Amino acid sequence: MCQPADRRVGAPRHRTYVAPSTLHGRGVFAAVPIAAGDIVEECPVLRFPAAQREHIDATLIDEYYFDWDGDGAIALGLGSLYNHSDAPVAEYIKDTANDVLIVRAVSAIAAGHEITFSYSGPTPPEVGLDRCP
């Protein structure tokens, strides 16, 4: 079964917004309450080859890209703006087959709360993650 339109890649982001963060510059915040287990956002990624990483590493983008099966990837949407926390309220899942970064709430997130995940590594992809083809 397909997810509602607000959970598809590229869907409007009425559940989140970007604002100044006390953690680091700016961050992504919940505009409405988000339940634990809900997908916050599915971000298409722009993948670039490993051979280009040394060039990217010399730029500001170095702090915003993800390791992606040996390559690099910049998460579009708000994907590269989520801040790190050692006590995150969300997790990210790398769907490398479809070049999508999925952000999912691991606990209930109140409206106005910053949505963070751990930069230590992604959650392994799950079999049966409810996604449209």
C-alpha atoms as a PDB file:
ATOM      1  CA  MET A   1       0.000   0.000   0.000  1.00  0.00           C
ATOM      2  CA  CYS A   2       1.328   3.451  -0.895  1.00  0.00           C
ATOM      3  CA  GLN A   3       1.964   6.102   1.710  1.00  0.00           C
ATOM      4  CA  PRO A   4      -0.169   9.250   1.836  1.00  0.00           C
ATOM      5  CA  ALA A   5       0.987  12.011  -0.528  1.00  0.00           C
ATOM      6  CA  ASP A   6       2.573  13.971   2.351  1.00  0.00           C
ATOM      7  CA  ARG A   7       5.077  11.140   2.833  1.00  0.00           C
ATOM      8  CA  ARG A   8       6.242  10.730  -0.754  1.00  0.00           C
ATOM      9  CA  VAL A   9       9.609  11.928  -1.958  1.00  0.00           C
ATOM     10  CA  GLY A  10       9.352  15.570  -2.917  1.00  0.00           C
ATOM     11  CA  ALA A  11       6.019  16.103  -1.111  1.00  0.00           C
ATOM     12  CA  PRO A  12       5.278  19.472   0.534  1.00  0.00           C
ATOM     13  CA  ARG A  13       6.935  19.846   3.924  1.00  0.00           C
ATOM     14  CA  HIS A  14       4.095  21.265   5.998  1.00  0.00           C
ATOM     15  CA  ARG A  15       5.193  19.177   9.018  1.00  0.00           C
ATOM     16  CA  THR A  16       8.640  20.768   9.333  1.00  0.00           C
ATOM     17  CA  TYR A  17      10.392  24.110   9.017  1.00  0.00           C
ATOM     18  CA  VAL A  18      13.928  25.506   9.221  1.00  0.00           C
ATOM     19  CA  ALA A  19      14.828  27.954  11.998  1.00  0.00           C
ATOM     20  CA  PRO A  20      17.832  29.097  14.054  1.00  0.00           C
ATOM     21  CA  SER A  21      19.120  26.313  16.296  1.00  0.00           C
ATOM     22  CA  THR A  22      20.904  26.460  19.625  1.00  0.00           C
ATOM     23  CA  LEU A  23      22.804  23.317  18.515  1.00  0.00           C
ATOM     24  CA  HIS A  24      24.403  24.565  15.312  1.00  0.00           C
ATOM     25  CA  GLY A  25      23.408  27.510  13.134  1.00  0.00           C
ATOM     26  CA  ARG A  26      20.024  26.394  11.909  1.00  0.00           C
ATOM     27  CA  GLY A  27      18.048  23.191  12.141  1.00  0.00           C
ATOM     28  CA  VAL A  28      14.844  21.405  11.226  1.00  0.00           C
ATOM     29  CA  PHE A  29      11.875  21.733  13.592  1.00  0.00           C
ATOM     30  CA  ALA A  30       8.472  20.066  13.877  1.00  0.00           C
ATOM     31  CA  ALA A  31       5.621  22.356  12.794  1.00  0.00           C
ATOM     32  CA  VAL A  32       3.068  19.888  14.165  1.00  0.00           C
ATOM     33  CA  PRO A  33       3.308  16.971  16.608  1.00  0.00           C
ATOM     34  CA  ILE A  34       4.935  13.920  14.998  1.00  0.00           C
ATOM     35  CA  ALA A  35       4.311  10.441  16.395  1.00  0.00           C
ATOM     36  CA  ALA A  36       7.081   7.944  17.118  1.00  0.00           C
ATOM     37  CA  GLY A  37       7.580   5.752  14.063  1.00  0.00           C
ATOM     38  CA  ASP A  38       6.252   8.329  11.591  1.00  0.00           C
ATOM     39  CA  ILE A  39       8.339   9.170   8.569  1.00  0.00           C
ATOM     40  CA  VAL A  40       9.278  12.831   8.898  1.00  0.00           C
ATOM     41  CA  GLU A  41      10.706  13.224   5.408  1.00  0.00           C
ATOM     42  CA  GLU A  42      11.967  11.221   2.452  1.00  0.00           C
ATOM     43  CA  CYS A  43      14.829  13.108   0.843  1.00  0.00           C
ATOM     44  CA  PRO A  44      16.063  12.305  -2.636  1.00  0.00           C
ATOM     45  CA  VAL A  45      19.845  12.433  -2.733  1.00  0.00           C
ATOM     46  CA  LEU A  46      22.269  13.739  -5.298  1.00  0.00           C
ATOM     47  CA  ARG A  47      24.960  11.066  -5.473  1.00  0.00           C
ATOM     48  CA  PHE A  48      28.502  11.938  -6.530  1.00  0.00           C
ATOM     49  CA  PRO A  49      31.367   9.526  -7.261  1.00  0.00           C
ATOM     50  CA  ALA A  50      34.034   8.747  -4.680  1.00  0.00           C
ATOM     51  CA  ALA A  51      36.658  10.266  -7.002  1.00  0.00           C
ATOM     52  CA  GLN A  52      35.013  13.693  -6.487  1.00  0.00           C
ATOM     53  CA  ARG A  53      35.034  13.541  -2.683  1.00  0.00           C
ATOM     54  CA  GLU A  54      38.444  15.198  -2.348  1.00  0.00           C
ATOM     55  CA  HIS A  55      37.059  18.235  -4.216  1.00  0.00           C
ATOM     56  CA  ILE A  56      33.902  18.325  -2.087  1.00  0.00           C
ATOM     57  CA  ASP A  57      35.959  17.918   1.097  1.00  0.00           C
ATOM     58  CA  ALA A  58      37.681  21.226   0.316  1.00  0.00           C
ATOM     59  CA  THR A  59      34.344  23.082   0.410  1.00  0.00           C
ATOM     60  CA  LEU A  60      31.634  23.961   2.925  1.00  0.00           C
ATOM     61  CA  ILE A  61      29.606  21.016   1.569  1.00  0.00           C
ATOM     62  CA  ASP A  62      32.064  18.703   3.350  1.00  0.00           C
ATOM     63  CA  GLU A  63      29.965  19.120   6.520  1.00  0.00           C
ATOM     64  CA  TYR A  64      26.664  18.317   4.813  1.00  0.00           C
ATOM     65  CA  TYR A  65      27.067  15.177   2.737  1.00  0.00           C
ATOM     66  CA  PHE A  66      26.575  11.512   3.610  1.00  0.00           C
ATOM     67  CA  ASP A  67      28.746   8.491   2.863  1.00  0.00           C
ATOM     68  CA  TRP A  68      26.748   6.521   0.303  1.00  0.00           C
ATOM     69  CA  ASP A  69      28.031   3.044  -0.568  1.00  0.00           C
ATOM     70  CA  GLY A  70      31.553   4.386  -1.071  1.00  0.00           C
ATOM     71  CA  ASP A  71      30.322   7.446  -2.936  1.00  0.00           C
ATOM     72  CA  GLY A  72      28.982  10.646  -1.426  1.00  0.00           C
ATOM     73  CA  ALA A  73      25.438  12.004  -1.414  1.00  0.00           C
ATOM     74  CA  ILE A  74      23.864  15.349  -0.690  1.00  0.00           C
ATOM     75  CA  ALA A  75      20.375  14.944   0.733  1.00  0.00           C
ATOM     76  CA  LEU A  76      17.937  17.319  -0.930  1.00  0.00           C
ATOM     77  CA  GLY A  77      14.836  18.713   0.728  1.00  0.00           C
ATOM     78  CA  LEU A  78      15.811  19.425   4.321  1.00  0.00           C
ATOM     79  CA  GLY A  79      17.902  16.268   4.611  1.00  0.00           C
ATOM     80  CA  SER A  80      21.291  17.923   4.997  1.00  0.00           C
ATOM     81  CA  LEU A  81      20.038  20.439   7.594  1.00  0.00           C
ATOM     82  CA  TYR A  82      19.157  18.056  10.450  1.00  0.00           C
ATOM     83  CA  ASN A  83      21.557  18.536  13.360  1.00  0.00           C
ATOM     84  CA  HIS A  84      23.341  15.828  15.348  1.00  0.00           C
ATOM     85  CA  SER A  85      22.370  14.829  18.867  1.00  0.00           C
ATOM     86  CA  ASP A  86      23.614  12.096  21.182  1.00  0.00           C
ATOM     87  CA  ALA A  87      19.960  11.806  22.281  1.00  0.00           C
ATOM     88  CA  PRO A  88      18.200  12.060  18.903  1.00  0.00           C
ATOM     89  CA  VAL A  89      14.448  12.129  18.362  1.00  0.00           C
ATOM     90  CA  ALA A  90      14.794  10.749  14.826  1.00  0.00           C
ATOM     91  CA  GLU A  91      16.929   8.357  12.824  1.00  0.00           C
ATOM     92  CA  TYR A  92      17.987   8.263   9.215  1.00  0.00           C
ATOM     93  CA  ILE A  93      17.765   5.284   6.934  1.00  0.00           C
ATOM     94  CA  LYS A  94      19.792   5.156   3.726  1.00  0.00           C
ATOM     95  CA  ASP A  95      17.867   3.618   0.836  1.00  0.00           C
ATOM     96  CA  THR A  96      20.849   3.396  -1.495  1.00  0.00           C
ATOM     97  CA  ALA A  97      18.967   1.343  -4.101  1.00  0.00           C
ATOM     98  CA  ASN A  98      16.555   4.259  -4.655  1.00  0.00           C
ATOM     99  CA  ASP A  99      18.922   7.093  -3.636  1.00  0.00           C
ATOM    100  CA  VAL A 100      16.626   8.285  -0.857  1.00  0.00           C
ATOM    101  CA  LEU A 101      17.430   9.263   2.737  1.00  0.00           C
ATOM    102  CA  ILE A 102      14.481   8.538   5.043  1.00  0.00           C
ATOM    103  CA  VAL A 103      14.106  10.482   8.294  1.00  0.00           C
ATOM    104  CA  ARG A 104      11.883   8.711  10.835  1.00  0.00           C
ATOM    105  CA  ALA A 105      10.840   9.739  14.348  1.00  0.00           C
ATOM    106  CA  VAL A 106      12.132   7.379  17.059  1.00  0.00           C
ATOM    107  CA  SER A 107      10.113   9.132  19.746  1.00  0.00           C
ATOM    108  CA  ALA A 108       7.170  11.513  19.791  1.00  0.00           C
ATOM    109  CA  ILE A 109       8.232  14.993  18.668  1.00  0.00           C
ATOM    110  CA  ALA A 110       6.310  18.026  19.944  1.00  0.00           C
ATOM    111  CA  ALA A 111       5.529  20.968  17.674  1.00  0.00           C
ATOM    112  CA  GLY A 112       8.367  23.487  17.914  1.00  0.00           C
ATOM    113  CA  HIS A 113      10.960  20.848  18.934  1.00  0.00           C
ATOM    114  CA  GLU A 114      14.143  20.498  16.890  1.00  0.00           C
ATOM    115  CA  ILE A 115      14.348  17.223  14.968  1.00  0.00           C
ATOM    116  CA  THR A 116      17.801  15.672  15.349  1.00  0.00           C
ATOM    117  CA  PHE A 117      19.462  12.382  14.504  1.00  0.00           C
ATOM    118  CA  SER A 118      22.808  10.820  15.322  1.00  0.00           C
ATOM    119  CA  TYR A 119      25.598  11.311  12.800  1.00  0.00           C
ATOM    120  CA  SER A 120      27.204   8.105  14.092  1.00  0.00           C
ATOM    121  CA  GLY A 121      25.510   6.098  11.392  1.00  0.00           C
ATOM    122  CA  PRO A 122      22.248   5.180   9.764  1.00  0.00           C
ATOM    123  CA  THR A 123      19.691   2.645  10.838  1.00  0.00           C
ATOM    124  CA  PRO A 124      19.942  -0.410   8.570  1.00  0.00           C
ATOM    125  CA  PRO A 125      17.273  -0.443   5.826  1.00  0.00           C
ATOM    126  CA  GLU A 126      14.210  -2.389   6.827  1.00  0.00           C
ATOM    127  CA  VAL A 127      12.460  -5.047   4.848  1.00  0.00           C
ATOM    128  CA  GLY A 128       8.885  -4.008   4.221  1.00  0.00           C
ATOM    129  CA  LEU A 129       9.333  -0.277   4.822  1.00  0.00           C
ATOM    130  CA  ASP A 130       6.020   1.024   3.511  1.00  0.00           C
ATOM    131  CA  ARG A 131       7.030   2.918   0.363  1.00  0.00           C
ATOM    132  CA  CYS A 132       5.494   3.476  -3.031  1.00  0.00           C
ATOM    133  CA  PRO A 133       7.201   1.904  -6.048  1.00  0.00           C
END
